[in-house]
Protein backbone atom coordinates (compact mmCIF):
# COMPACT_ATOMS: atom_id res chain seq x y z
CA MET A 1 86.34 312.29 171.03
CA ASN A 2 85.72 309.06 169.02
CA SER A 3 84.61 309.31 165.46
CA PRO A 4 81.43 307.56 164.24
CA VAL A 5 83.51 305.24 162.04
CA HIS A 6 85.70 304.23 164.93
CA GLY A 7 82.61 303.55 167.11
CA ALA A 8 80.98 301.44 164.46
CA SER A 9 84.19 299.41 164.05
CA SER A 10 84.33 298.76 167.77
CA VAL A 11 80.74 297.54 167.85
CA TRP A 12 81.33 295.27 164.84
CA LEU A 13 84.51 293.85 166.39
CA SER A 14 82.77 293.23 169.69
CA ARG A 15 79.92 291.40 167.95
CA TYR A 16 82.39 289.40 165.91
CA LEU A 17 84.32 288.29 169.00
CA ARG A 18 81.11 287.36 170.81
CA LYS A 19 80.05 285.28 167.79
CA ILE A 20 83.39 283.47 167.78
CA ASN A 21 83.08 282.73 171.52
CA LEU A 22 79.48 281.55 171.02
CA ASP A 23 80.53 279.27 168.17
CA LYS A 24 83.30 277.83 170.34
CA THR A 25 80.83 277.27 173.19
CA MET A 26 78.33 275.55 170.89
CA ALA A 27 81.10 273.42 169.42
CA ARG A 28 82.18 272.35 172.92
CA ARG A 29 78.57 271.51 173.81
CA ARG A 30 78.14 269.49 170.62
CA SER A 31 81.36 267.67 171.37
CA ARG A 32 80.21 266.88 174.91
CA SER A 33 76.83 265.72 173.60
CA LEU A 34 78.52 263.42 171.11
CA GLU A 35 80.72 262.05 173.89
CA VAL A 36 77.64 261.36 176.03
CA VAL A 37 75.88 259.66 173.10
CA ALA A 38 79.00 257.57 172.42
CA VAL A 39 79.18 256.52 176.07
CA LEU A 40 75.47 255.60 176.11
CA ILE A 41 75.86 253.55 172.91
CA ALA A 42 78.88 251.77 174.36
CA LEU A 43 76.96 251.00 177.59
CA PHE A 44 73.98 249.74 175.59
CA LEU A 45 76.15 247.48 173.43
CA THR A 46 77.92 246.14 176.51
CA ALA A 47 74.62 245.45 178.27
CA TYR A 48 73.23 243.80 175.13
CA ALA A 49 76.32 241.60 174.83
CA ILE A 50 75.96 240.58 178.48
CA PHE A 51 72.25 239.85 177.90
CA LEU A 52 73.02 237.67 174.87
CA GLY A 53 75.61 235.82 176.90
CA LEU A 54 73.11 235.16 179.68
CA VAL A 55 70.59 233.93 177.12
CA SER A 56 73.12 231.63 175.49
CA PHE A 57 73.96 230.10 178.88
CA GLY A 58 70.28 229.69 179.73
CA VAL A 59 70.33 232.13 182.65
CA VAL A 60 67.85 234.43 180.93
CA LYS A 61 65.06 233.16 178.67
CA ILE A 62 63.25 235.16 176.02
CA PRO A 63 59.49 234.60 176.03
CA SER A 64 58.30 233.69 172.56
CA GLY A 65 54.79 235.04 172.98
CA VAL A 66 51.75 233.62 171.28
CA LEU A 67 52.55 230.86 168.79
CA GLN A 68 51.11 231.36 165.35
CA PHE A 69 49.49 228.72 163.20
CA GLN A 70 52.28 227.86 160.81
CA SER A 71 53.93 225.21 158.69
CA PRO A 72 57.43 225.65 157.25
CA SER A 73 56.69 224.51 153.70
CA ASP A 74 53.18 223.64 152.53
CA ASN A 75 50.47 225.16 154.66
CA TYR A 76 48.60 222.69 156.77
CA PRO A 77 44.99 222.33 155.57
CA GLN A 78 42.78 224.82 157.39
CA SER A 79 40.13 222.98 159.34
CA ASP A 80 37.62 223.74 162.06
CA LEU A 81 38.97 220.67 163.82
CA ILE A 82 42.47 222.16 164.15
CA LEU A 83 43.02 224.25 167.26
CA ASN A 84 46.74 224.93 166.82
CA CYS A 85 49.60 223.84 164.60
CA PHE A 86 53.24 224.17 165.66
CA ALA A 87 56.04 223.76 163.18
CA ASP A 88 59.76 224.46 163.00
CA LYS A 89 61.81 223.24 160.06
CA HIS A 90 64.89 223.10 162.29
CA GLU A 91 63.31 221.11 165.11
CA VAL A 92 61.73 217.69 165.49
CA TRP A 93 59.17 217.97 168.27
CA SER A 94 59.57 214.62 169.93
CA PRO A 95 58.89 213.03 172.33
CA LEU A 96 55.53 214.60 173.21
CA CYS A 97 53.81 214.32 176.57
CA VAL A 98 50.90 216.11 178.23
CA SER A 99 50.70 216.79 181.95
CA PRO A 100 47.83 214.96 183.72
CA THR A 101 45.90 218.20 184.24
CA GLY A 102 46.51 219.35 180.67
CA GLU A 103 48.34 222.46 181.85
CA HIS A 104 51.44 221.74 179.77
CA LEU A 105 52.34 220.08 176.48
CA VAL A 106 56.04 219.26 176.51
CA ALA A 107 58.24 218.32 173.56
CA GLY A 108 61.86 217.25 173.64
CA GLY A 109 64.66 218.91 171.71
CA PHE A 110 68.43 219.07 171.52
CA LYS A 111 69.62 220.13 174.99
CA LYS A 112 66.19 221.59 175.76
CA LEU A 113 62.57 221.07 176.69
CA ILE A 114 59.81 222.96 174.88
CA TRP A 115 56.94 223.89 177.21
CA ILE A 116 53.65 224.91 175.59
CA ALA A 117 50.85 226.40 177.66
CA LYS A 118 47.27 226.92 176.43
CA TRP A 119 48.09 224.40 173.72
CA ASN A 120 44.40 223.44 173.41
CA GLU A 121 43.10 227.02 173.06
CA LYS A 122 42.83 228.21 169.48
CA ASN A 123 45.65 230.63 168.59
CA GLN A 124 46.40 231.27 172.28
CA ALA A 125 49.28 228.86 172.83
CA THR A 126 52.52 230.22 174.31
CA MET A 127 55.93 228.57 174.24
CA ASP A 128 58.82 228.63 176.68
CA ILE A 129 62.23 227.07 176.03
CA GLN A 130 64.07 225.45 178.92
CA ASP A 131 67.76 224.96 178.15
CA LEU A 132 69.32 221.85 179.65
CA ALA A 133 72.93 221.46 180.74
CA PHE A 134 73.32 218.17 178.87
CA ASP A 135 75.08 217.64 175.56
CA ASP A 136 72.48 215.56 173.78
CA ARG A 137 68.90 215.28 172.65
CA VAL A 138 65.98 214.45 174.95
CA GLU A 139 64.82 211.02 173.77
CA SER A 140 62.24 210.20 176.45
CA ALA A 141 60.06 212.26 178.78
CA ALA A 142 57.22 211.49 181.20
CA PHE A 143 55.17 213.27 183.86
CA SER A 144 54.45 211.87 187.30
CA LYS A 145 50.84 210.88 188.02
CA ASP A 146 50.20 214.13 189.94
CA GLY A 147 51.92 216.28 187.31
CA SER A 148 54.44 217.79 189.72
CA ARG A 149 57.54 216.11 188.25
CA ILE A 150 58.88 215.38 184.80
CA ALA A 151 61.59 212.83 184.01
CA VAL A 152 63.80 212.91 180.91
CA TYR A 153 66.39 210.59 179.41
CA LEU A 154 69.29 211.82 177.27
CA PRO A 155 71.50 209.11 175.73
CA GLY A 156 74.81 210.99 175.60
CA ASN A 157 77.86 209.89 173.64
CA ALA A 158 79.26 207.29 176.04
CA LYS A 159 76.83 207.37 178.97
CA GLY A 160 73.22 208.40 179.30
CA THR A 161 71.54 210.58 181.90
CA ILE A 162 68.22 210.43 183.74
CA ALA A 163 67.10 213.82 185.10
CA ILE A 164 64.10 214.77 187.25
CA PHE A 165 62.71 218.33 187.22
CA ASP A 166 60.13 220.15 189.31
CA VAL A 167 57.37 221.19 186.92
CA GLN A 168 56.45 224.50 188.57
CA SER A 169 59.96 225.87 189.14
CA ARG A 170 61.66 223.90 186.30
CA GLN A 171 64.51 223.26 188.73
CA LEU A 172 66.63 220.12 188.49
CA LEU A 173 65.84 217.90 191.49
CA SER A 174 68.06 214.91 190.81
CA LYS A 175 70.03 213.20 188.06
CA TRP A 176 72.12 210.09 187.64
CA PRO A 177 74.22 208.45 184.92
CA THR A 178 73.12 205.34 183.04
CA PRO A 179 74.63 203.15 180.36
CA ARG A 180 73.89 204.25 176.80
CA PHE A 181 70.96 202.01 175.97
CA GLN A 182 70.27 200.65 172.50
CA TYR A 183 66.72 201.99 172.19
CA ASP A 184 64.65 204.85 173.54
CA LEU A 185 63.37 204.35 177.05
CA LYS A 186 59.81 204.46 178.27
CA LEU A 187 59.82 206.25 181.65
CA VAL A 188 57.17 205.55 184.30
CA PHE A 189 56.83 207.07 187.78
CA SER A 190 55.53 205.06 190.72
CA ASP A 191 52.37 206.51 192.23
CA ASP A 192 54.29 207.95 195.20
CA ARG A 193 57.03 209.48 192.95
CA GLU A 194 59.72 207.58 194.85
CA VAL A 195 60.71 205.18 192.06
CA LEU A 196 61.26 205.70 188.33
CA PHE A 197 60.90 202.64 186.08
CA ALA A 198 62.28 202.14 182.57
CA ASN A 199 62.76 199.36 180.00
CA PRO A 200 66.43 199.45 178.96
CA VAL A 201 68.01 197.13 176.42
CA GLU A 202 71.76 196.65 176.79
CA ARG A 203 74.08 194.81 174.42
CA THR A 204 75.93 192.10 176.38
CA ASN A 205 77.78 190.65 173.39
CA ARG A 206 77.47 190.51 169.63
CA LEU A 207 74.52 188.12 169.73
CA GLU A 208 72.62 188.81 172.95
CA ASN A 209 70.78 191.73 174.49
CA LEU A 210 69.92 192.18 178.15
CA GLU A 211 66.34 193.43 178.41
CA GLY A 212 64.20 194.11 181.46
CA ILE A 213 62.44 196.57 183.73
CA VAL A 214 64.64 198.59 186.09
CA GLY A 215 63.62 200.77 189.00
CA TRP A 216 65.72 203.67 190.32
CA GLU A 217 65.26 205.53 193.60
CA ILE A 218 64.47 209.04 192.39
CA SER A 219 66.07 210.92 195.28
CA SER A 220 69.46 209.24 194.89
CA GLY A 221 69.49 207.49 191.50
CA LYS A 222 70.21 204.19 193.27
CA LEU A 223 69.25 201.07 191.32
CA LEU A 224 66.56 199.36 193.39
CA SER A 225 65.26 196.56 191.20
CA PHE A 226 65.64 194.67 187.94
CA ILE A 227 63.11 192.28 186.41
CA LYS A 228 64.71 190.44 183.52
CA THR A 229 62.60 189.62 180.48
CA PRO A 230 62.30 185.84 180.07
CA ASN A 231 64.44 184.53 177.22
CA GLU A 232 61.49 183.24 175.22
CA PHE A 233 59.56 186.52 175.46
CA TYR A 234 59.73 190.06 174.13
CA LEU A 235 58.93 193.01 176.43
CA ALA A 236 55.96 194.70 174.75
CA ASP A 237 54.76 197.32 177.27
CA PHE A 238 54.61 198.14 180.97
CA GLY A 239 53.05 200.63 183.36
CA PHE A 240 52.49 201.41 187.02
CA PHE A 241 48.89 201.28 188.24
CA GLY A 242 47.45 201.29 191.76
CA GLY A 243 50.68 200.38 193.52
CA ARG A 244 51.69 197.58 191.15
CA LEU A 245 53.84 197.26 188.06
CA LEU A 246 52.14 195.58 185.08
CA ILE A 247 54.25 194.05 182.32
CA ALA A 248 53.05 192.68 178.98
CA TYR A 249 55.29 190.13 177.25
CA GLU A 250 54.90 188.63 173.78
CA ARG A 251 56.08 185.14 172.97
CA SER A 252 58.98 185.80 170.62
CA GLU A 253 58.81 182.46 168.83
CA ASP A 254 55.57 183.23 166.96
CA TYR A 255 54.08 186.38 168.64
CA LYS A 256 50.79 184.52 169.06
CA GLU A 257 50.58 184.92 172.84
CA ILE A 258 50.64 187.86 175.26
CA GLN A 259 51.38 187.19 178.92
CA ILE A 260 50.62 189.86 181.51
CA TYR A 261 52.61 189.86 184.74
CA GLU A 262 52.42 192.03 187.87
CA SER A 263 55.05 193.04 190.41
CA GLU A 264 54.82 194.75 193.79
CA LYS A 265 57.43 196.11 196.20
CA PRO A 266 60.34 195.50 196.21
CA PHE A 267 59.79 194.81 192.46
CA SER A 268 62.29 191.98 192.41
CA LYS A 269 60.05 189.44 190.67
CA ALA A 270 56.86 189.34 188.61
CA ASN A 271 53.94 186.95 188.82
CA PRO A 272 51.60 185.95 185.95
CA VAL A 273 48.13 187.51 185.75
CA VAL A 274 46.64 186.28 182.48
CA ALA A 275 47.60 184.91 179.07
CA ILE A 276 45.97 186.09 175.81
CA GLU A 277 46.08 184.00 172.62
CA ALA A 278 45.93 185.54 169.14
CA PRO A 279 42.87 184.26 167.24
CA GLY A 280 43.17 182.17 164.09
CA ALA A 281 46.19 182.72 161.90
CA SER A 282 46.93 186.21 163.23
CA ALA A 283 49.89 187.18 165.40
CA PHE A 284 50.34 190.12 167.73
CA ASP A 285 52.41 193.11 166.73
CA SER A 286 52.42 196.12 169.10
CA VAL A 287 50.87 196.17 172.58
CA MET A 288 49.87 199.08 174.84
CA PHE A 289 48.27 199.46 178.29
CA SER A 290 45.61 202.09 178.87
CA ALA A 291 46.41 204.96 181.27
CA ASP A 292 44.52 203.27 184.13
CA GLY A 293 45.86 199.77 183.46
CA THR A 294 42.44 198.20 182.91
CA ARG A 295 42.71 197.73 179.12
CA LEU A 296 45.31 196.38 176.73
CA ALA A 297 45.29 197.27 173.02
CA ALA A 298 47.13 195.06 170.53
CA SER A 299 47.64 195.41 166.79
CA SER A 300 48.07 192.31 164.65
CA HIS A 301 50.15 191.01 161.76
CA PHE A 302 48.67 189.77 158.49
CA GLY A 303 46.19 192.66 158.11
CA GLN A 304 44.07 191.60 161.06
CA PRO A 305 42.10 194.10 163.20
CA THR A 306 43.44 195.94 166.23
CA ARG A 307 41.89 194.48 169.38
CA VAL A 308 41.30 195.69 172.93
CA TYR A 309 41.36 193.27 175.88
CA ASN A 310 40.39 193.39 179.53
CA VAL A 311 43.60 193.14 181.59
CA SER A 312 42.20 191.30 184.62
CA ASP A 313 40.86 188.28 182.72
CA GLY A 314 42.12 188.63 179.13
CA ARG A 315 38.60 188.97 177.72
CA LEU A 316 38.27 190.50 174.24
CA ILE A 317 36.09 193.61 174.54
CA SER A 318 36.57 195.28 171.15
CA GLU A 319 37.77 194.53 167.64
CA LEU A 320 38.16 197.27 165.06
CA GLU A 321 36.21 196.73 161.88
CA LYS A 322 39.20 197.22 159.58
CA ALA A 323 42.88 196.42 159.78
CA TYR A 324 45.42 198.78 161.28
CA CYS A 325 47.59 200.02 158.39
CA GLY A 326 49.83 202.72 159.81
CA ILE A 327 53.49 202.89 160.73
CA SER A 328 55.03 201.86 164.03
CA CYS A 329 58.41 201.76 165.73
CA ARG A 330 59.74 200.83 169.14
CA ASP A 331 58.64 204.04 170.86
CA PHE A 332 55.42 204.56 168.84
CA HIS A 333 53.11 201.60 168.39
CA GLY A 334 51.01 203.28 165.72
CA PHE A 335 48.03 203.68 168.01
CA LYS A 336 47.12 205.13 171.41
CA LEU A 337 44.36 204.54 173.92
CA SER A 338 42.71 207.63 175.39
CA LYS A 339 43.09 208.46 179.08
CA SER A 340 39.68 206.97 179.85
CA ALA A 341 40.31 203.93 177.59
CA LYS A 342 37.04 204.71 175.80
CA TYR A 343 38.72 205.67 172.53
CA LEU A 344 41.53 204.42 170.35
CA ALA A 345 43.45 206.53 167.81
CA THR A 346 45.39 204.89 164.99
CA SER A 347 47.85 206.25 162.45
CA ASN A 348 47.10 205.29 158.86
CA SER A 349 49.37 204.82 155.86
CA ASN A 350 47.47 207.46 153.86
CA ASN A 351 48.74 210.34 156.00
CA CYS A 352 45.82 210.54 158.39
CA ALA A 353 44.71 209.37 161.82
CA SER A 354 41.46 207.67 162.77
CA LEU A 355 39.52 207.86 166.02
CA TRP A 356 37.62 204.76 167.17
CA SER A 357 35.12 203.90 169.86
CA VAL A 358 36.36 201.00 171.98
CA ARG A 359 32.85 200.05 173.06
CA THR A 360 31.35 199.80 169.59
CA ALA A 361 34.54 199.35 167.46
CA LYS A 362 33.11 202.10 165.24
CA GLU A 363 35.31 204.59 163.41
CA LEU A 364 34.18 207.98 164.72
CA GLY A 365 36.21 210.23 162.45
CA VAL A 366 39.29 210.71 160.29
CA LEU A 367 41.86 213.48 160.75
CA GLN A 368 43.60 214.39 157.49
CA CYS A 369 47.20 215.21 158.33
CA HIS A 370 49.95 216.68 156.16
CA ARG A 371 49.83 215.11 152.70
CA LYS A 372 53.58 214.42 152.59
CA GLN A 373 54.20 212.93 156.01
CA ASN A 374 53.01 209.89 157.99
CA VAL A 375 51.93 210.30 161.61
CA ILE A 376 54.83 209.35 163.90
CA ASP A 377 53.19 210.01 167.26
CA ILE A 378 49.72 210.40 168.77
CA VAL A 379 48.90 211.82 172.21
CA PHE A 380 45.47 212.21 173.78
CA GLY A 381 44.59 215.19 175.92
CA PRO A 382 43.49 214.38 179.50
CA ASP A 383 39.79 214.92 178.77
CA ASP A 384 39.62 212.76 175.59
CA LYS A 385 38.38 215.82 173.66
CA THR A 386 41.71 216.75 172.09
CA LEU A 387 44.16 214.69 170.07
CA ILE A 388 47.74 215.63 169.23
CA THR A 389 49.45 214.26 166.13
CA ASN A 390 53.08 214.63 165.13
CA ASP A 391 54.02 213.91 161.53
CA SER A 392 57.69 215.07 161.76
CA HIS A 393 56.54 218.14 159.83
CA ALA A 394 54.16 219.70 162.32
CA VAL A 395 52.52 219.09 165.68
CA VAL A 396 48.77 219.53 165.30
CA ILE A 397 46.17 219.92 168.05
CA TRP A 398 42.79 218.50 166.95
CA ASP A 399 39.42 219.18 168.53
CA VAL A 400 37.71 215.77 168.52
CA SER A 401 34.91 216.69 170.92
CA GLY A 402 32.43 216.47 168.06
CA PHE A 403 33.48 212.88 167.45
CA VAL A 404 33.42 211.68 171.05
CA ASN A 405 30.15 213.45 171.85
CA GLN A 406 28.21 211.85 169.02
CA LYS A 407 25.92 208.93 169.67
CA GLU A 408 27.81 205.76 168.89
């Protein structure tokens, strides 16, 4: 017969052994749990590394969401006229172009295109980055007339590249190599999207440049045509309107005459349309066709007004009441005609842009831009009610409907 002490010892020992076994079981479970967690972390890190790799190669894109009104240093002045302001201290948003329907605002970048949707809706703009498989910066970009294609030019180190993309799918449709031209190209689609025109300047020797209008077959990149600029003239602007190519030349001896030529298929030669003489002592500076090819705007040297002419007969139809005083370069003339050719926007030397009525030559309003930067590009929206300025510090979308709706 067992004693009470011996029975109590047995119970205690049994409980002690069960506790040891339970502790070992819990320890094994904790160990397994830690192993599972470690495996899950390893899988997550592997997947994240793969994801980053796909992003870096452009296979996967991260949506940036709604763009916020921002400026990297001084805040842009708050204004009821400003719909959106896009800024990035690491990026120069140029060139800028708007699709014909206004669906997209596109800016060039290094090896990428920046697509902005809802750019004209206050604080609703969204951005998407399209990475390009080219090792250089986009220097020129243009939409086709129907907005279904976009063409870009990248200069490259030794050779340049022209590339055509489908706007909806963003897929590359065709590309071809070009020489590395001296200046930025202006790109222009034919109405049927079969030919892409540009104005290259190539150095032939130390003293001479070869300048003209070239046309490439878009499907193959084959060079179809070349219209050489006459030796005594400077190629000022060109465009494709209603099945014909219009070219504006300036007389390079004194810049006191503009000659407008036209060319039709096969675009091998150009015929004169009209000649425009600068009045008085003034001389022409920059020249630009309107979007429909019916008007030609020209700024002048010697502090003379900017003028607008009728293309068909060279008739002066408008003269601004004060001199153009902004900055200009080869790819930005310092002014832009609106899509309807009813309005003219000019950049001014006091860090602002002015909007003018072509019909009355009246200044409709002034847009005060960033106080430290001059305007380096101006783009009209397709409905003439929005204006986009780029001052190398920020891209600003202005609501100018109040200006264009007022009685002139």
